[in-house]
Amino acid sequence: MPALENQRWELFCLAIARGETTSRAYETAGFRPSRSNSARLRATEPIRQRICELQAASADACKITVQSVCNELDQAVELAKAEGKPAALVSAAALRARLGNLLTDKIEISTTSPYADCTSIEDMASQMLDGMTNARWLQIDDEDRLQLAELIRDYWGRVQAFLDEVNRRPLQQEPIALITNGKGNQ
């Protein structure tokens, strides 16, 4: 919709789109102060449509997206290259990479076992079964807990046997050479 032909109406719409109250916009447009007249003008269809159009255009102009920020950073990179400012170039490139989720500041890794407070294998088996998402609808009895505890014992025994076997291997005389990239760098 193009600008309204009535200049006062257009000024009224522009003032409201800028955030002024209806009464204040009415005065800004050159009308004598009147709350009832300003409310009546605001309620007319052409005015409502024009205000919506102006507000939508303003919202689009202010919209910030990852793409728009990346475009601005690309311009900053080009400017930094042209002016020979490597620090600005690195800073803009790093920010762009962070926006693209290519860089992260910190990653938290938890090494705490959910069963660290268990005092026995039976306790661990019980906690595992009770922690199942549908445990409250299942019939879990002591026999299930004992069977799972036996499976854990058997598994742990097999793991321990494997580790013992590895531990019995003969020691090497020289440390294993580190793999390099061919230039002597790690």
N, C-alpha and C. Protein backbone atom coordinates (compact mmCIF):
# COMPACT_ATOMS: atom_id res chain seq x y z
N MET A 1 0.85 -1.17 0.00
CA MET A 1 0.00 0.00 0.00
C MET A 1 0.90 1.25 0.00
N PRO A 2 0.69 2.15 -0.92
CA PRO A 2 1.52 3.37 -0.96
C PRO A 2 1.14 4.31 0.18
N ALA A 3 1.93 5.36 0.32
CA ALA A 3 1.64 6.36 1.35
C ALA A 3 0.23 6.91 1.15
N LEU A 4 -0.40 7.23 2.27
CA LEU A 4 -1.76 7.78 2.20
C LEU A 4 -1.73 9.16 1.55
N GLU A 5 -2.76 9.49 0.79
CA GLU A 5 -2.82 10.78 0.11
C GLU A 5 -2.96 11.93 1.10
N ASN A 6 -3.70 11.70 2.16
CA ASN A 6 -3.85 12.73 3.19
C ASN A 6 -2.56 12.75 4.02
N GLN A 7 -1.82 13.87 3.91
CA GLN A 7 -0.52 13.96 4.57
C GLN A 7 -0.62 13.84 6.08
N ARG A 8 -1.64 14.41 6.67
CA ARG A 8 -1.80 14.31 8.12
C ARG A 8 -2.03 12.86 8.54
N TRP A 9 -2.82 12.15 7.78
CA TRP A 9 -3.06 10.74 8.09
C TRP A 9 -1.76 9.94 8.00
N GLU A 10 -0.97 10.24 6.97
CA GLU A 10 0.32 9.54 6.79
C GLU A 10 1.25 9.85 7.97
N LEU A 11 1.31 11.13 8.37
CA LEU A 11 2.14 11.51 9.51
C LEU A 11 1.65 10.80 10.79
N PHE A 12 0.34 10.70 10.94
CA PHE A 12 -0.26 10.01 12.08
C PHE A 12 0.19 8.54 12.10
N CYS A 13 0.11 7.89 10.97
CA CYS A 13 0.53 6.48 10.86
C CYS A 13 2.02 6.32 11.15
N LEU A 14 2.83 7.21 10.60
CA LEU A 14 4.28 7.14 10.81
C LEU A 14 4.62 7.31 12.29
N ALA A 15 3.92 8.23 12.96
CA ALA A 15 4.19 8.46 14.38
C ALA A 15 3.82 7.24 15.21
N ILE A 16 2.71 6.61 14.91
CA ILE A 16 2.31 5.41 15.64
C ILE A 16 3.29 4.28 15.36
N ALA A 17 3.73 4.14 14.12
CA ALA A 17 4.71 3.10 13.77
C ALA A 17 6.03 3.31 14.50
N ARG A 18 6.36 4.56 14.82
CA ARG A 18 7.58 4.87 15.58
C ARG A 18 7.41 4.57 17.06
N GLY A 19 6.15 4.35 17.50
CA GLY A 19 5.92 3.99 18.89
C GLY A 19 5.21 5.04 19.72
N GLU A 20 4.78 6.13 19.10
CA GLU A 20 4.07 7.17 19.87
C GLU A 20 2.66 6.68 20.20
N THR A 21 2.09 7.23 21.27
CA THR A 21 0.71 6.90 21.62
C THR A 21 -0.21 7.48 20.56
N THR A 22 -1.44 7.01 20.53
CA THR A 22 -2.42 7.50 19.55
C THR A 22 -2.66 8.99 19.72
N SER A 23 -2.82 9.44 20.97
CA SER A 23 -3.07 10.87 21.23
C SER A 23 -1.88 11.72 20.79
N ARG A 24 -0.68 11.26 21.14
CA ARG A 24 0.53 12.03 20.79
C ARG A 24 0.73 12.04 19.27
N ALA A 25 0.48 10.91 18.61
CA ALA A 25 0.62 10.84 17.15
C ALA A 25 -0.37 11.77 16.47
N TYR A 26 -1.55 11.88 17.04
CA TYR A 26 -2.59 12.77 16.48
C TYR A 26 -2.11 14.22 16.51
N GLU A 27 -1.48 14.62 17.62
CA GLU A 27 -0.94 15.98 17.74
C GLU A 27 0.27 16.17 16.82
N THR A 28 1.13 15.13 16.74
CA THR A 28 2.32 15.21 15.88
C THR A 28 1.92 15.42 14.42
N ALA A 29 0.79 14.86 14.04
CA ALA A 29 0.33 14.97 12.65
C ALA A 29 -0.27 16.35 12.36
N GLY A 30 -0.43 17.18 13.40
CA GLY A 30 -0.93 18.54 13.17
C GLY A 30 -2.36 18.74 13.56
N PHE A 31 -3.00 17.76 14.18
CA PHE A 31 -4.38 17.90 14.63
C PHE A 31 -4.41 18.51 16.03
N ARG A 32 -5.53 19.15 16.36
CA ARG A 32 -5.70 19.66 17.72
C ARG A 32 -5.89 18.48 18.66
N PRO A 33 -5.37 18.55 19.88
CA PRO A 33 -5.47 17.43 20.82
C PRO A 33 -6.92 17.00 21.05
N SER A 34 -7.17 15.70 20.89
CA SER A 34 -8.50 15.14 21.12
C SER A 34 -8.35 13.62 21.18
N ARG A 35 -8.52 13.06 22.38
CA ARG A 35 -8.36 11.62 22.53
C ARG A 35 -9.42 10.86 21.76
N SER A 36 -10.63 11.36 21.77
CA SER A 36 -11.71 10.64 21.09
C SER A 36 -11.52 10.67 19.58
N ASN A 37 -11.11 11.81 19.03
CA ASN A 37 -10.89 11.90 17.59
C ASN A 37 -9.68 11.05 17.16
N SER A 38 -8.63 11.05 18.00
CA SER A 38 -7.44 10.25 17.64
C SER A 38 -7.79 8.76 17.64
N ALA A 39 -8.61 8.32 18.62
CA ALA A 39 -9.02 6.91 18.67
C ALA A 39 -9.91 6.56 17.48
N ARG A 40 -10.77 7.48 17.11
CA ARG A 40 -11.66 7.25 15.97
C ARG A 40 -10.86 7.15 14.67
N LEU A 41 -9.86 8.03 14.52
CA LEU A 41 -9.03 7.99 13.31
C LEU A 41 -8.23 6.68 13.27
N ARG A 42 -7.71 6.29 14.41
CA ARG A 42 -6.91 5.06 14.49
C ARG A 42 -7.74 3.84 14.10
N ALA A 43 -9.03 3.86 14.36
CA ALA A 43 -9.90 2.72 14.10
C ALA A 43 -10.32 2.60 12.64
N THR A 44 -10.08 3.62 11.82
CA THR A 44 -10.51 3.54 10.41
C THR A 44 -9.65 2.53 9.66
N GLU A 45 -10.26 1.87 8.70
CA GLU A 45 -9.59 0.78 7.97
C GLU A 45 -8.32 1.21 7.24
N PRO A 46 -8.31 2.31 6.48
CA PRO A 46 -7.07 2.67 5.78
C PRO A 46 -5.92 2.97 6.75
N ILE A 47 -6.25 3.57 7.89
CA ILE A 47 -5.22 3.89 8.89
C ILE A 47 -4.67 2.60 9.49
N ARG A 48 -5.55 1.68 9.86
CA ARG A 48 -5.10 0.41 10.46
C ARG A 48 -4.22 -0.36 9.49
N GLN A 49 -4.61 -0.41 8.22
CA GLN A 49 -3.82 -1.12 7.21
C GLN A 49 -2.44 -0.48 7.04
N ARG A 50 -2.41 0.86 6.97
CA ARG A 50 -1.14 1.56 6.77
C ARG A 50 -0.21 1.37 7.97
N ILE A 51 -0.76 1.41 9.18
CA ILE A 51 0.06 1.20 10.38
C ILE A 51 0.64 -0.21 10.37
N CYS A 52 -0.19 -1.19 10.05
CA CYS A 52 0.30 -2.58 9.97
C CYS A 52 1.41 -2.71 8.94
N GLU A 53 1.23 -2.07 7.80
CA GLU A 53 2.22 -2.13 6.73
C GLU A 53 3.55 -1.50 7.19
N LEU A 54 3.47 -0.34 7.82
CA LEU A 54 4.67 0.34 8.31
C LEU A 54 5.38 -0.47 9.39
N GLN A 55 4.61 -1.07 10.30
CA GLN A 55 5.21 -1.86 11.36
C GLN A 55 5.86 -3.13 10.81
N ALA A 56 5.23 -3.74 9.80
CA ALA A 56 5.82 -4.93 9.19
C ALA A 56 7.12 -4.58 8.47
N ALA A 57 7.12 -3.45 7.77
CA ALA A 57 8.35 -3.02 7.08
C ALA A 57 9.45 -2.72 8.08
N SER A 58 9.09 -2.12 9.19
CA SER A 58 10.06 -1.83 10.23
C SER A 58 10.62 -3.10 10.84
N ALA A 59 9.75 -4.08 11.07
CA ALA A 59 10.19 -5.36 11.64
C ALA A 59 11.13 -6.08 10.68
N ASP A 60 10.80 -6.04 9.39
CA ASP A 60 11.69 -6.69 8.40
C ASP A 60 13.04 -6.01 8.35
N ALA A 61 13.05 -4.69 8.46
CA ALA A 61 14.31 -3.94 8.40
C ALA A 61 15.17 -4.23 9.63
N CYS A 62 14.54 -4.52 10.74
CA CYS A 62 15.28 -4.77 11.98
C CYS A 62 15.60 -6.24 12.20
N LYS A 63 15.08 -7.11 11.34
CA LYS A 63 15.25 -8.53 11.54
C LYS A 63 16.73 -8.91 11.46
N ILE A 64 17.16 -9.59 12.49
CA ILE A 64 18.54 -10.06 12.53
C ILE A 64 18.50 -11.58 12.45
N THR A 65 19.16 -12.11 11.47
CA THR A 65 19.24 -13.56 11.31
C THR A 65 20.70 -13.96 11.30
N VAL A 66 20.94 -15.24 11.43
CA VAL A 66 22.31 -15.74 11.34
C VAL A 66 22.87 -15.38 9.96
N GLN A 67 22.04 -15.48 8.94
CA GLN A 67 22.49 -15.16 7.58
C GLN A 67 22.87 -13.69 7.45
N SER A 68 22.06 -12.80 8.04
CA SER A 68 22.38 -11.37 7.92
C SER A 68 23.67 -11.04 8.68
N VAL A 69 23.86 -11.66 9.85
CA VAL A 69 25.09 -11.44 10.60
C VAL A 69 26.29 -11.99 9.83
N CYS A 70 26.13 -13.16 9.23
CA CYS A 70 27.22 -13.74 8.42
C CYS A 70 27.55 -12.86 7.23
N ASN A 71 26.53 -12.26 6.62
CA ASN A 71 26.79 -11.35 5.50
C ASN A 71 27.60 -10.14 5.96
N GLU A 72 27.23 -9.60 7.13
CA GLU A 72 27.98 -8.47 7.67
C GLU A 72 29.41 -8.87 8.02
N LEU A 73 29.58 -10.08 8.55
CA LEU A 73 30.93 -10.55 8.88
C LEU A 73 31.75 -10.78 7.61
N ASP A 74 31.09 -11.25 6.55
CA ASP A 74 31.80 -11.39 5.27
C ASP A 74 32.30 -10.04 4.77
N GLN A 75 31.47 -9.01 4.94
CA GLN A 75 31.89 -7.66 4.56
C GLN A 75 33.04 -7.19 5.44
N ALA A 76 32.99 -7.51 6.73
CA ALA A 76 34.07 -7.15 7.64
C ALA A 76 35.37 -7.85 7.26
N VAL A 77 35.27 -9.11 6.85
CA VAL A 77 36.45 -9.86 6.41
C VAL A 77 37.07 -9.20 5.19
N GLU A 78 36.23 -8.84 4.23
CA GLU A 78 36.74 -8.19 3.01
C GLU A 78 37.40 -6.85 3.34
N LEU A 79 36.78 -6.09 4.22
CA LEU A 79 37.34 -4.80 4.62
C LEU A 79 38.68 -5.00 5.35
N ALA A 80 38.74 -6.00 6.23
CA ALA A 80 39.98 -6.27 6.95
C ALA A 80 41.09 -6.69 5.99
N LYS A 81 40.73 -7.48 4.98
CA LYS A 81 41.72 -7.88 3.97
C LYS A 81 42.22 -6.66 3.20
N ALA A 82 41.28 -5.82 2.79
CA ALA A 82 41.62 -4.65 1.98
C ALA A 82 42.50 -3.67 2.76
N GLU A 83 42.25 -3.53 4.06
CA GLU A 83 43.01 -2.59 4.87
C GLU A 83 44.23 -3.23 5.53
N GLY A 84 44.43 -4.53 5.28
CA GLY A 84 45.59 -5.22 5.84
C GLY A 84 45.56 -5.30 7.36
N LYS A 85 44.42 -5.64 7.91
CA LYS A 85 44.28 -5.75 9.37
C LYS A 85 44.01 -7.22 9.73
N PRO A 86 45.08 -7.98 9.97
CA PRO A 86 44.89 -9.41 10.22
C PRO A 86 44.12 -9.71 11.51
N ALA A 87 44.27 -8.91 12.54
CA ALA A 87 43.55 -9.17 13.80
C ALA A 87 42.05 -9.08 13.58
N ALA A 88 41.61 -8.06 12.84
CA ALA A 88 40.18 -7.91 12.55
C ALA A 88 39.69 -9.07 11.68
N LEU A 89 40.53 -9.51 10.76
CA LEU A 89 40.19 -10.63 9.88
C LEU A 89 39.98 -11.90 10.70
N VAL A 90 40.92 -12.18 11.59
CA VAL A 90 40.82 -13.38 12.43
C VAL A 90 39.59 -13.30 13.34
N SER A 91 39.36 -12.15 13.91
CA SER A 91 38.22 -11.97 14.81
C SER A 91 36.89 -12.20 14.08
N ALA A 92 36.75 -11.62 12.90
CA ALA A 92 35.51 -11.79 12.13
C ALA A 92 35.35 -13.23 11.68
N ALA A 93 36.44 -13.87 11.26
CA ALA A 93 36.35 -15.26 10.81
C ALA A 93 35.99 -16.18 11.97
N ALA A 94 36.55 -15.91 13.16
CA ALA A 94 36.24 -16.74 14.33
C ALA A 94 34.77 -16.59 14.73
N LEU A 95 34.27 -15.38 14.70
CA LEU A 95 32.87 -15.15 15.05
C LEU A 95 31.94 -15.83 14.04
N ARG A 96 32.30 -15.77 12.78
CA ARG A 96 31.49 -16.43 11.75
C ARG A 96 31.49 -17.94 11.96
N ALA A 97 32.65 -18.50 12.30
CA ALA A 97 32.75 -19.93 12.55
C ALA A 97 31.92 -20.33 13.77
N ARG A 98 31.93 -19.49 14.80
CA ARG A 98 31.15 -19.77 16.00
C ARG A 98 29.66 -19.74 15.67
N LEU A 99 29.23 -18.79 14.84
CA LEU A 99 27.82 -18.73 14.45
C LEU A 99 27.40 -19.96 13.66
N GLY A 100 28.32 -20.50 12.90
CA GLY A 100 28.04 -21.71 12.13
C GLY A 100 28.23 -22.98 12.92
N ASN A 101 28.42 -22.85 14.24
CA ASN A 101 28.64 -23.99 15.13
C ASN A 101 29.88 -24.80 14.78
N LEU A 102 30.86 -24.13 14.21
CA LEU A 102 32.11 -24.81 13.91
C LEU A 102 33.09 -24.69 15.07
N LEU A 103 32.88 -23.73 15.95
CA LEU A 103 33.71 -23.56 17.14
C LEU A 103 32.82 -23.55 18.37
N THR A 104 33.33 -24.10 19.44
CA THR A 104 32.63 -24.02 20.71
C THR A 104 33.60 -23.53 21.76
N ASP A 105 33.08 -22.79 22.73
CA ASP A 105 33.94 -22.27 23.78
C ASP A 105 34.32 -23.36 24.77
N LYS A 106 33.34 -24.09 25.27
CA LYS A 106 33.60 -25.13 26.25
C LYS A 106 32.64 -26.29 26.00
N ILE A 107 33.12 -27.47 26.29
CA ILE A 107 32.28 -28.65 26.25
C ILE A 107 32.41 -29.31 27.61
N GLU A 108 31.29 -29.55 28.25
CA GLU A 108 31.32 -30.19 29.56
C GLU A 108 31.15 -31.68 29.39
N ILE A 109 32.07 -32.43 29.96
CA ILE A 109 32.03 -33.88 29.90
C ILE A 109 31.93 -34.39 31.33
N SER A 110 30.92 -35.18 31.57
CA SER A 110 30.73 -35.73 32.90
C SER A 110 31.28 -37.14 32.94
N THR A 111 32.09 -37.45 33.93
CA THR A 111 32.64 -38.79 34.06
C THR A 111 32.08 -39.51 35.28
N THR A 112 31.09 -38.93 35.89
CA THR A 112 30.48 -39.54 37.07
C THR A 112 29.52 -40.63 36.64
N SER A 113 29.68 -41.79 37.20
CA SER A 113 28.79 -42.91 36.91
C SER A 113 27.47 -42.72 37.64
N PRO A 114 26.36 -43.05 36.99
CA PRO A 114 25.08 -42.94 37.70
C PRO A 114 24.95 -43.96 38.82
N TYR A 115 25.86 -44.95 38.83
CA TYR A 115 25.81 -46.00 39.84
C TYR A 115 26.97 -45.90 40.83
N ALA A 116 27.58 -44.71 40.92
CA ALA A 116 28.74 -44.53 41.79
C ALA A 116 28.39 -44.72 43.26
N ASP A 117 27.15 -44.46 43.64
CA ASP A 117 26.77 -44.58 45.04
C ASP A 117 26.29 -45.98 45.42
N CYS A 118 26.32 -46.91 44.47
CA CYS A 118 25.90 -48.29 44.77
C CYS A 118 26.96 -48.97 45.63
N THR A 119 26.50 -49.76 46.60
CA THR A 119 27.42 -50.45 47.51
C THR A 119 27.64 -51.91 47.12
N SER A 120 26.81 -52.44 46.21
CA SER A 120 26.96 -53.83 45.79
C SER A 120 26.44 -53.98 44.36
N ILE A 121 26.76 -55.12 43.77
CA ILE A 121 26.25 -55.39 42.42
C ILE A 121 24.74 -55.53 42.47
N GLU A 122 24.21 -56.11 43.54
CA GLU A 122 22.76 -56.24 43.67
C GLU A 122 22.10 -54.87 43.73
N ASP A 123 22.73 -53.95 44.44
CA ASP A 123 22.22 -52.57 44.54
C ASP A 123 22.23 -51.91 43.16
N MET A 124 23.31 -52.14 42.40
CA MET A 124 23.40 -51.59 41.05
C MET A 124 22.30 -52.16 40.16
N ALA A 125 22.10 -53.47 40.22
CA ALA A 125 21.06 -54.11 39.41
C ALA A 125 19.69 -53.56 39.77
N SER A 126 19.45 -53.37 41.05
CA SER A 126 18.17 -52.83 41.50
C SER A 126 17.97 -51.41 40.98
N GLN A 127 19.03 -50.60 41.07
CA GLN A 127 18.94 -49.21 40.60
C GLN A 127 18.73 -49.16 39.09
N MET A 128 19.38 -50.07 38.35
CA MET A 128 19.20 -50.10 36.89
C MET A 128 17.75 -50.43 36.53
N LEU A 129 17.21 -51.43 37.17
CA LEU A 129 15.82 -51.82 36.86
C LEU A 129 14.83 -50.74 37.28
N ASP A 130 15.06 -50.14 38.45
CA ASP A 130 14.16 -49.09 38.91
C ASP A 130 14.25 -47.84 38.05
N GLY A 131 15.38 -47.64 37.39
CA GLY A 131 15.59 -46.44 36.57
C GLY A 131 15.02 -46.55 35.17
N MET A 132 14.50 -47.71 34.81
CA MET A 132 13.91 -47.86 33.48
C MET A 132 12.71 -46.94 33.35
N THR A 133 12.53 -46.35 32.17
CA THR A 133 11.47 -45.35 31.99
C THR A 133 10.08 -45.93 32.20
N ASN A 134 9.91 -47.23 31.93
CA ASN A 134 8.59 -47.82 32.10
C ASN A 134 8.54 -48.77 33.29
N ALA A 135 9.47 -48.61 34.25
CA ALA A 135 9.56 -49.51 35.39
C ALA A 135 8.29 -49.53 36.23
N ARG A 136 7.58 -48.43 36.31
CA ARG A 136 6.40 -48.41 37.17
C ARG A 136 5.24 -49.23 36.60
N TRP A 137 5.31 -49.59 35.30
CA TRP A 137 4.26 -50.41 34.71
C TRP A 137 4.68 -51.88 34.58
N LEU A 138 5.94 -52.15 34.85
CA LEU A 138 6.43 -53.51 34.74
C LEU A 138 6.42 -54.20 36.09
N GLN A 139 6.27 -55.53 36.06
CA GLN A 139 6.40 -56.30 37.29
C GLN A 139 7.87 -56.67 37.42
N ILE A 140 8.56 -56.01 38.32
CA ILE A 140 9.96 -56.30 38.56
C ILE A 140 10.04 -56.87 39.97
N ASP A 141 10.55 -58.11 40.06
CA ASP A 141 10.63 -58.73 41.38
C ASP A 141 12.09 -59.01 41.74
N ASP A 142 12.27 -59.62 42.91
CA ASP A 142 13.62 -59.89 43.41
C ASP A 142 14.38 -60.84 42.49
N GLU A 143 13.67 -61.76 41.85
CA GLU A 143 14.32 -62.70 40.92
C GLU A 143 14.95 -61.94 39.75
N ASP A 144 14.25 -60.93 39.23
CA ASP A 144 14.80 -60.10 38.14
C ASP A 144 16.06 -59.39 38.60
N ARG A 145 16.03 -58.87 39.81
CA ARG A 145 17.18 -58.16 40.35
C ARG A 145 18.38 -59.11 40.50
N LEU A 146 18.12 -60.34 40.99
CA LEU A 146 19.20 -61.32 41.15
C LEU A 146 19.77 -61.75 39.80
N GLN A 147 18.90 -61.94 38.81
CA GLN A 147 19.37 -62.33 37.47
C GLN A 147 20.25 -61.24 36.86
N LEU A 148 19.83 -59.99 36.97
CA LEU A 148 20.63 -58.89 36.43
C LEU A 148 21.95 -58.77 37.18
N ALA A 149 21.93 -58.96 38.48
CA ALA A 149 23.17 -58.91 39.26
C ALA A 149 24.12 -60.01 38.79
N GLU A 150 23.60 -61.19 38.51
CA GLU A 150 24.44 -62.29 38.02
C GLU A 150 25.02 -61.97 36.64
N LEU A 151 24.23 -61.37 35.77
CA LEU A 151 24.73 -60.95 34.46
C LEU A 151 25.86 -59.93 34.60
N ILE A 152 25.70 -58.98 35.50
CA ILE A 152 26.73 -57.95 35.73
C ILE A 152 27.99 -58.62 36.26
N ARG A 153 27.84 -59.56 37.22
CA ARG A 153 29.01 -60.27 37.76
C ARG A 153 29.73 -61.03 36.65
N ASP A 154 28.96 -61.74 35.81
CA ASP A 154 29.56 -62.50 34.71
C ASP A 154 30.29 -61.57 33.74
N TYR A 155 29.63 -60.46 33.38
CA TYR A 155 30.25 -59.49 32.47
C TYR A 155 31.51 -58.91 33.09
N TRP A 156 31.41 -58.53 34.36
CA TRP A 156 32.57 -57.94 35.03
C TRP A 156 33.70 -58.95 35.11
N GLY A 157 33.36 -60.20 35.34
CA GLY A 157 34.38 -61.25 35.38
C GLY A 157 35.08 -61.39 34.03
N ARG A 158 34.32 -61.33 32.96
CA ARG A 158 34.91 -61.42 31.61
C ARG A 158 35.77 -60.20 31.32
N VAL A 159 35.33 -59.02 31.71
CA VAL A 159 36.12 -57.79 31.52
C VAL A 159 37.42 -57.89 32.31
N GLN A 160 37.32 -58.32 33.54
CA GLN A 160 38.51 -58.43 34.39
C GLN A 160 39.49 -59.45 33.82
N ALA A 161 38.97 -60.57 33.28
CA ALA A 161 39.84 -61.59 32.67
C ALA A 161 40.56 -61.01 31.46
N PHE A 162 39.87 -60.23 30.66
CA PHE A 162 40.50 -59.59 29.50
C PHE A 162 41.60 -58.64 29.94
N LEU A 163 41.31 -57.81 30.94
CA LEU A 163 42.31 -56.87 31.42
C LEU A 163 43.51 -57.59 32.01
N ASP A 164 43.27 -58.69 32.72
CA ASP A 164 44.38 -59.48 33.26
C ASP A 164 45.24 -60.04 32.14
N GLU A 165 44.60 -60.52 31.08
CA GLU A 165 45.33 -61.07 29.93
C GLU A 165 46.20 -59.99 29.28
N VAL A 166 45.66 -58.81 29.10
CA VAL A 166 46.43 -57.70 28.53
C VAL A 166 47.59 -57.35 29.44
N ASN A 167 47.35 -57.36 30.73
CA ASN A 167 48.37 -57.00 31.71
C ASN A 167 49.52 -58.02 31.75
N ARG A 168 49.27 -59.27 31.34
CA ARG A 168 50.31 -60.30 31.34
C ARG A 168 51.20 -60.25 30.10
N ARG A 169 50.89 -59.42 29.15
CA ARG A 169 51.72 -59.33 27.94
C ARG A 169 53.11 -58.86 28.32
N PRO A 170 54.10 -59.29 27.54
CA PRO A 170 55.46 -58.86 27.85
C PRO A 170 55.64 -57.37 27.57
N LEU A 171 56.50 -56.75 28.37
CA LEU A 171 56.79 -55.34 28.20
C LEU A 171 57.65 -55.12 26.96
N GLN A 172 57.45 -54.01 26.28
CA GLN A 172 58.29 -53.66 25.14
C GLN A 172 59.54 -52.98 25.64
N GLN A 173 60.62 -53.18 24.90
CA GLN A 173 61.89 -52.58 25.28
C GLN A 173 61.93 -51.09 24.96
N GLU A 174 61.32 -50.69 23.83
CA GLU A 174 61.34 -49.28 23.41
C GLU A 174 59.89 -48.79 23.31
N PRO A 175 59.69 -47.53 23.62
CA PRO A 175 58.32 -47.00 23.48
C PRO A 175 57.90 -46.99 22.01
N ILE A 176 56.61 -47.11 21.79
CA ILE A 176 56.06 -47.08 20.43
C ILE A 176 56.25 -45.67 19.87
N ALA A 177 56.77 -45.60 18.62
CA ALA A 177 56.99 -44.30 17.99
C ALA A 177 55.64 -43.62 17.72
N LEU A 178 55.62 -42.32 17.93
CA LEU A 178 54.41 -41.57 17.64
C LEU A 178 54.23 -41.39 16.15
N ILE A 179 53.04 -41.46 15.68
CA ILE A 179 52.76 -41.26 14.26
C ILE A 179 52.89 -39.78 13.95
N THR A 180 53.61 -39.46 12.91
CA THR A 180 53.79 -38.06 12.52
C THR A 180 53.17 -37.83 11.16
N ASN A 181 53.10 -36.55 10.80
CA ASN A 181 52.49 -36.20 9.52
C ASN A 181 53.51 -36.17 8.40
N GLY A 182 54.67 -36.73 8.62
CA GLY A 182 55.68 -36.78 7.56
C GLY A 182 56.66 -35.62 7.64
N LYS A 183 56.39 -34.60 8.43
CA LYS A 183 57.27 -33.43 8.53
C LYS A 183 57.92 -33.37 9.91
N GLY A 184 57.74 -34.44 10.67
CA GLY A 184 58.31 -34.44 12.02
C GLY A 184 57.41 -33.78 13.05
N ASN A 185 56.24 -33.33 12.63
CA ASN A 185 55.31 -32.69 13.56
C ASN A 185 54.28 -33.70 14.01
N GLN A 186 53.82 -33.55 15.21
CA GLN A 186 52.78 -34.45 15.72
C GLN A 186 51.43 -33.96 15.29
